[in-house]
């Protein structure tokens, strides 16, 4: 009987140890899950749209690194000439909230954007828009070089998503980049803007850049909003690894407030606000330079992006703050 009791005690002790191990494993896993969710996003679940809008304004008013310029008013599109009044009016709206402005072109009035931004005390990432028209490309590059020589450019971008669109060959793009680097002052870093993965897949372009200018859109890859920040961090880290020590700037990221979903990515006011808040928090906590896309809604973008194209702005097409 005594031996049977001892055996039972040993069995109970083993069961207790196994139970404690399971509890410990569960607690560790819970902490890991909690940490994962922290990495993924701030917990904004359960907040009403009114509470989210208040948080949005708080974050906006605390300022951000950069905003992408959206200069085209209703019934305008690329190809139309911009005037100084509309550029100045929109930059005045953005000025209280951002240190940097990003422009996309150096023709059709866009060349005024960095000049007026500098006048207002902002820094500039200035782009030359390259396509399949040699004469336009030449004018874009020459104007970018001239703006840089005059001191209106803090970072120069030679081309935007040219590889993604297939407008030029890699060799043609490289020729434009190296030609611009020869003529732009050495104090101005020169790069090229494209989706983050292009810098992994095209090392010759990465090598040509002084700085990696990466577009990182969780939305366009169908990512659920709950994991969108974690997904963007992965994009950034891939570009960082490809750059091999070069600075990486996120030149575009954002979330549309209306339109058709793309797989698990759903446009809505709520998701757009959450994405903005999480992006700005990460930018400040880890000193990541981010240009948020975009400043104003622009209707012309529906042609290339579908219905969501018109709703990427923090301000609507009438220049009213959306949230």
Protein backbone atom coordinates (compact mmCIF):
# COMPACT_ATOMS: atom_id res chain seq x y z
CA UNK A 1 0.00 0.00 0.00
CA UNK A 2 2.84 2.38 0.91
CA UNK A 3 4.55 1.77 -2.46
CA UNK A 4 1.28 2.47 -4.27
CA UNK A 5 0.89 5.80 -2.40
CA UNK A 6 4.47 6.82 -3.26
CA UNK A 7 3.86 6.00 -6.93
CA UNK A 8 0.65 8.02 -6.89
CA UNK A 9 2.50 11.02 -5.32
CA UNK A 10 5.19 10.83 -8.04
CA UNK A 11 2.52 10.68 -10.72
CA UNK A 12 0.71 13.70 -9.25
CA UNK A 13 4.01 15.63 -9.03
CA UNK A 14 4.75 14.91 -12.69
CA UNK A 15 1.26 16.04 -13.68
CA UNK A 16 1.71 19.25 -11.61
CA UNK A 17 5.06 19.98 -13.29
CA UNK A 18 3.53 19.42 -16.72
CA UNK A 19 0.62 21.70 -15.82
CA UNK A 20 2.99 24.44 -14.61
CA UNK A 21 5.02 24.16 -17.83
CA UNK A 22 1.86 24.55 -19.89
CA UNK A 23 0.84 27.61 -17.87
CA UNK A 24 4.31 29.13 -18.28
CA UNK A 25 4.26 28.45 -22.05
CA UNK A 26 0.81 30.03 -22.30
CA UNK A 27 1.97 33.16 -20.45
CA UNK A 28 5.06 33.47 -22.65
CA UNK A 29 2.93 33.09 -25.78
CA UNK A 30 0.48 35.68 -24.47
CA UNK A 31 3.32 38.15 -23.90
CA UNK A 32 4.64 37.43 -27.40
CA UNK A 33 1.21 38.01 -28.90
CA UNK A 34 0.87 41.25 -26.93
CA UNK A 35 4.29 42.37 -28.17
CA UNK A 36 3.38 41.41 -31.74
CA UNK A 37 0.20 43.45 -31.59
CA UNK A 38 2.17 46.37 -30.17
CA UNK A 39 4.58 46.12 -33.09
CA UNK A 40 1.68 45.84 -35.49
CA UNK A 41 -0.36 48.88 -34.46
CA UNK A 42 -1.46 51.06 -31.58
CA UNK A 43 -4.61 49.57 -30.08
CA UNK A 44 -7.28 51.88 -31.41
CA UNK A 45 -10.01 49.25 -31.45
CA UNK A 46 -13.18 50.19 -29.65
CA UNK A 47 -12.70 53.92 -30.16
CA UNK A 48 -15.58 55.76 -31.77
CA UNK A 49 -15.07 57.71 -35.00
CA UNK A 50 -15.42 60.90 -32.93
CA UNK A 51 -12.60 59.79 -30.62
CA UNK A 52 -10.44 58.80 -33.59
CA UNK A 53 -10.93 62.22 -35.21
CA UNK A 54 -9.83 63.93 -31.99
CA UNK A 55 -6.71 61.75 -31.90
CA UNK A 56 -6.07 62.49 -35.57
CA UNK A 57 -6.12 66.24 -34.95
CA UNK A 58 -3.84 65.85 -31.96
CA UNK A 59 -1.29 63.89 -34.02
CA UNK A 60 -1.58 66.24 -37.00
CA UNK A 61 -1.05 69.31 -34.85
CA UNK A 62 2.06 67.76 -33.29
CA UNK A 63 3.64 67.92 -36.75
CA UNK A 64 5.17 65.43 -39.16
CA UNK A 65 8.32 64.96 -41.20
CA UNK A 66 6.87 65.37 -44.67
CA UNK A 67 3.82 65.66 -46.90
CA UNK A 68 3.45 64.90 -50.60
CA UNK A 69 2.27 67.88 -52.59
CA UNK A 70 -1.13 67.56 -54.31
CA UNK A 71 -1.33 70.77 -56.33
CA UNK A 72 -4.10 69.92 -58.83
CA UNK A 73 -7.50 71.42 -58.06
CA UNK A 74 -10.82 70.05 -59.32
CA UNK A 75 -10.94 69.69 -63.13
CA UNK A 76 -7.14 69.86 -63.37
CA UNK A 77 -4.70 67.04 -64.09
CA UNK A 78 -1.03 66.59 -65.04
CA UNK A 79 -0.51 68.38 -68.34
CA UNK A 80 -2.39 71.45 -67.11
CA UNK A 81 -0.39 74.51 -66.10
CA UNK A 82 -0.36 75.29 -62.37
CA UNK A 83 -0.50 78.88 -61.21
CA UNK A 84 1.33 80.50 -58.31
CA UNK A 85 -1.85 81.37 -56.41
CA UNK A 86 -3.06 77.77 -56.10
CA UNK A 87 0.39 76.48 -55.14
CA UNK A 88 0.84 79.18 -52.54
CA UNK A 89 -2.66 78.64 -51.10
CA UNK A 90 -2.17 74.91 -50.61
CA UNK A 91 1.33 75.24 -49.20
CA UNK A 92 -0.01 77.75 -46.68
CA UNK A 93 -2.54 75.14 -45.54
CA UNK A 94 0.16 72.45 -45.15
CA UNK A 95 2.85 74.66 -43.63
CA UNK A 96 1.77 74.44 -39.94
CA UNK A 97 1.91 70.63 -39.96
CA UNK A 98 5.03 69.59 -41.87
CA UNK A 99 8.77 70.26 -42.07
CA UNK A 100 9.23 68.97 -45.62
CA UNK A 101 7.30 69.07 -48.90
CA UNK A 102 7.73 66.58 -51.73
CA UNK A 103 7.02 67.64 -55.33
CA UNK A 104 6.83 65.29 -58.31
CA UNK A 105 7.71 67.39 -61.36
CA UNK A 106 9.80 70.37 -62.48
CA UNK A 107 7.59 71.54 -65.38
CA UNK A 108 4.07 72.94 -65.96
CA UNK A 109 4.30 75.18 -62.91
CA UNK A 110 5.46 72.46 -60.52
CA UNK A 111 8.89 74.10 -60.49
CA UNK A 112 7.34 76.89 -58.37
CA UNK A 113 6.56 74.47 -55.52
CA UNK A 114 10.10 74.20 -54.06
CA UNK A 115 10.69 77.94 -54.49
CA UNK A 116 7.56 78.91 -52.57
CA UNK A 117 8.09 76.14 -49.98
CA UNK A 118 11.61 77.44 -49.29
CA UNK A 119 10.24 80.96 -48.98
CA UNK A 120 7.88 79.61 -46.30
CA UNK A 121 10.72 77.93 -44.41
CA UNK A 122 10.10 74.32 -45.43
CA UNK A 123 12.61 71.79 -46.76
CA UNK A 124 12.11 70.15 -50.13
CA UNK A 125 12.36 66.77 -51.81
CA UNK A 126 12.09 67.75 -55.47
CA UNK A 127 11.32 65.26 -58.23
CA UNK A 128 11.91 65.29 -61.97
CA UNK A 129 9.09 63.32 -63.62
CA UNK A 130 10.48 60.95 -66.25
CA UNK A 131 8.38 59.17 -68.87
CA UNK A 132 8.76 57.97 -72.42
CA UNK A 133 9.07 61.45 -73.98
CA UNK A 134 12.75 62.39 -74.40
CA UNK A 135 12.13 66.13 -74.81
CA UNK A 136 9.99 66.39 -71.68
CA UNK A 137 12.52 64.32 -69.71
CA UNK A 138 15.31 66.65 -70.80
CA UNK A 139 13.34 69.70 -69.62
CA UNK A 140 12.48 68.02 -66.30
CA UNK A 141 16.12 67.13 -65.59
CA UNK A 142 17.47 70.53 -66.63
CA UNK A 143 14.95 72.32 -64.41
CA UNK A 144 15.78 70.04 -61.46
CA UNK A 145 19.50 70.75 -61.90
CA UNK A 146 18.85 74.49 -62.10
CA UNK A 147 16.63 74.47 -58.98
CA UNK A 148 19.32 72.55 -57.09
CA UNK A 149 22.03 75.02 -58.15
CA UNK A 150 19.82 77.88 -56.94
CA UNK A 151 19.46 76.27 -53.50
CA UNK A 152 15.81 75.22 -53.70
CA UNK A 153 16.44 71.46 -53.42
CA UNK A 154 17.37 69.54 -50.25
CA UNK A 155 16.95 66.07 -51.80
CA UNK A 156 16.67 65.44 -55.55
CA UNK A 157 14.62 62.60 -57.03
CA UNK A 158 15.39 61.61 -60.62
CA UNK A 159 12.24 59.83 -61.70
CA UNK A 160 9.24 58.34 -59.90
CA UNK A 161 8.14 54.68 -60.39
CA UNK A 162 9.65 54.62 -63.89
CA UNK A 163 10.60 50.96 -63.55
CA UNK A 164 7.17 50.08 -62.17
CA UNK A 165 5.45 51.71 -65.17
CA UNK A 166 8.03 50.49 -67.69
CA UNK A 167 8.47 53.93 -69.28
CA UNK A 168 12.26 53.55 -69.57
CA UNK A 169 14.79 50.74 -69.55
CA UNK A 170 17.02 50.39 -66.52
CA UNK A 171 20.01 51.55 -68.59
CA UNK A 172 18.16 54.70 -69.73
CA UNK A 173 17.16 55.54 -66.16
CA UNK A 174 20.71 55.03 -64.90
CA UNK A 175 21.98 57.43 -67.56
CA UNK A 176 19.57 60.12 -66.32
CA UNK A 177 20.57 59.54 -62.68
CA UNK A 178 24.32 59.70 -63.31
CA UNK A 179 23.99 62.71 -65.59
CA UNK A 180 22.01 64.59 -62.92
CA UNK A 181 24.53 63.64 -60.21
CA UNK A 182 27.36 65.18 -62.22
CA UNK A 183 25.58 68.54 -62.43
CA UNK A 184 23.70 68.78 -59.13
CA UNK A 185 25.78 70.23 -56.24
CA UNK A 186 27.48 67.56 -54.10
CA UNK A 187 25.67 68.88 -51.02
CA UNK A 188 22.33 67.66 -52.46
CA UNK A 189 21.71 63.88 -52.19
CA UNK A 190 20.34 62.37 -55.40
CA UNK A 191 18.04 59.35 -55.52
CA UNK A 192 15.27 57.66 -57.46
CA UNK A 193 11.73 56.93 -56.21
CA UNK A 194 10.09 53.54 -56.66
CA UNK A 195 8.40 50.68 -54.80
CA UNK A 196 10.61 49.31 -52.03
CA UNK A 197 11.19 45.95 -53.79
CA UNK A 198 12.74 47.58 -56.87
CA UNK A 199 15.84 48.39 -54.81
CA UNK A 200 16.27 44.71 -54.01
CA UNK A 201 15.65 43.56 -57.56
CA UNK A 202 17.73 46.27 -59.29
CA UNK A 203 21.07 46.65 -57.45
CA UNK A 204 22.55 48.86 -60.19
CA UNK A 205 19.89 51.50 -59.50
CA UNK A 206 20.40 51.14 -55.75
CA UNK A 207 24.15 51.65 -56.21
CA UNK A 208 23.54 54.78 -58.29
CA UNK A 209 21.49 56.46 -55.54
CA UNK A 210 22.93 58.53 -52.70
CA UNK A 211 19.71 57.91 -50.78
CA UNK A 212 17.02 55.23 -51.16
CA UNK A 213 13.60 56.76 -51.84
CA UNK A 214 11.08 53.97 -51.27
CA UNK A 215 7.30 53.96 -51.69
CA UNK A 216 5.70 51.64 -49.12
CA UNK A 217 1.98 50.97 -49.48
CA UNK A 218 0.41 48.30 -47.30
CA UNK A 219 -2.92 49.11 -48.94
CA UNK A 220 -1.77 48.34 -52.48
CA UNK A 221 -0.58 44.92 -51.33
CA UNK A 222 -3.98 44.06 -49.88
CA UNK A 223 -2.90 44.12 -46.23
CA UNK A 224 -5.48 44.25 -43.45
CA UNK A 225 -5.35 47.56 -41.60
CA UNK A 226 -4.67 45.80 -38.29
CA UNK A 227 -1.30 44.58 -39.59
CA UNK A 228 -0.53 47.43 -41.99
CA UNK A 229 2.16 49.11 -39.86
CA UNK A 230 4.01 45.85 -39.32
CA UNK A 231 3.82 45.25 -43.07
CA UNK A 232 5.21 48.73 -43.82
CA UNK A 233 8.05 48.15 -41.36
CA UNK A 234 8.97 45.02 -43.29
CA UNK A 235 8.97 46.97 -46.57
CA UNK A 236 11.22 49.60 -45.01
CA UNK A 237 13.63 47.00 -43.64
CA UNK A 238 13.89 45.34 -47.06
CA UNK A 239 14.82 48.65 -48.64
CA UNK A 240 17.26 49.29 -45.78
CA UNK A 241 18.94 45.94 -46.36
CA UNK A 242 19.14 46.56 -50.12
CA UNK A 243 20.68 49.98 -49.48
CA UNK A 244 23.54 48.43 -47.53
CA UNK A 245 23.99 51.34 -45.16
CA UNK A 246 22.42 54.10 -47.25
CA UNK A 247 19.69 56.25 -45.73
CA UNK A 248 16.16 55.16 -46.60
CA UNK A 249 13.33 57.68 -46.86
CA UNK A 250 9.75 56.51 -47.22
CA UNK A 251 8.63 58.82 -50.01
CA UNK A 252 5.00 57.69 -50.09
CA UNK A 253 2.63 55.84 -47.81
CA UNK A 254 -1.00 56.38 -46.97
CA UNK A 255 -4.51 54.91 -46.84
CA UNK A 256 -7.63 55.96 -48.81
CA UNK A 257 -10.77 57.04 -46.99
CA UNK A 258 -13.25 55.84 -49.62
CA UNK A 259 -13.50 53.42 -52.52
CA UNK A 260 -13.29 49.73 -53.35
CA UNK A 261 -11.31 47.33 -51.18
CA UNK A 262 -8.23 45.49 -52.41
CA UNK A 263 -8.34 42.01 -50.88
CA UNK A 264 -8.07 42.58 -47.10
CA UNK A 265 -7.38 46.32 -47.39
CA UNK A 266 -10.57 48.34 -46.91
CA UNK A 267 -10.83 52.09 -47.52
CA UNK A 268 -12.73 53.99 -44.83
CA UNK A 269 -12.43 57.08 -42.67
CA UNK A 270 -11.72 54.89 -39.66
CA UNK A 271 -8.92 52.92 -41.36
CA UNK A 272 -7.39 56.04 -42.91
CA UNK A 273 -7.25 57.75 -39.51
CA UNK A 274 -5.78 54.70 -37.79
CA UNK A 275 -3.12 54.29 -40.46
CA UNK A 276 -2.12 57.96 -40.22
CA UNK A 277 -1.84 57.85 -36.42
CA UNK A 278 0.21 54.64 -36.41
CA UNK A 279 2.51 55.86 -39.19
CA UNK A 280 3.27 59.15 -37.46
CA UNK A 281 3.86 57.45 -34.10
CA UNK A 282 6.39 55.07 -35.67
CA UNK A 283 8.04 57.91 -37.61
CA UNK A 284 8.65 59.87 -34.42
CA UNK A 285 9.59 56.99 -32.14
CA UNK A 286 12.17 55.51 -34.50
CA UNK A 287 13.19 58.67 -36.42
CA UNK A 288 11.95 57.35 -39.77
CA UNK A 289 11.66 60.04 -42.46
CA UNK A 290 8.23 59.62 -44.05
CA UNK A 291 6.40 61.69 -46.66
CA UNK A 292 2.71 61.03 -46.14
CA UNK A 293 0.53 60.58 -49.23
CA UNK A 294 -1.22 62.73 -49.65
CA UNK A 295 -2.09 66.27 -48.70
CA UNK A 296 -5.27 66.85 -50.77
CA UNK A 297 -7.79 64.62 -52.53
CA UNK A 298 -7.36 64.81 -56.31
CA UNK A 299 -10.16 63.58 -58.59
CA UNK A 300 -7.93 63.03 -61.64
CA UNK A 301 -6.25 60.04 -59.97
CA UNK A 302 -9.28 57.79 -60.48
CA UNK A 303 -8.11 57.26 -64.05
CA UNK A 304 -5.06 55.25 -63.02
CA UNK A 305 -6.11 53.92 -59.61
CA UNK A 306 -9.86 53.37 -59.74
CA UNK A 307 -12.30 54.99 -57.33
CA UNK A 308 -9.87 54.95 -54.38
CA UNK A 309 -7.54 57.27 -56.32
CA UNK A 310 -9.57 60.33 -55.43
CA UNK A 311 -9.43 59.83 -51.64
CA UNK A 312 -5.83 59.72 -50.38
CA UNK A 313 -5.72 63.25 -48.97
CA UNK A 314 -5.79 64.55 -45.42
CA UNK A 315 -7.76 67.46 -46.86
CA UNK A 316 -10.60 67.02 -49.36
CA UNK A 317 -10.65 68.43 -52.91
CA UNK A 318 -12.14 71.67 -51.55
CA UNK A 319 -9.21 72.04 -49.12
CA UNK A 320 -11.20 71.21 -45.98
CA UNK A 321 -9.61 68.95 -43.37
CA UNK A 322 -11.37 65.59 -43.73
CA UNK A 323 -11.23 64.33 -40.14
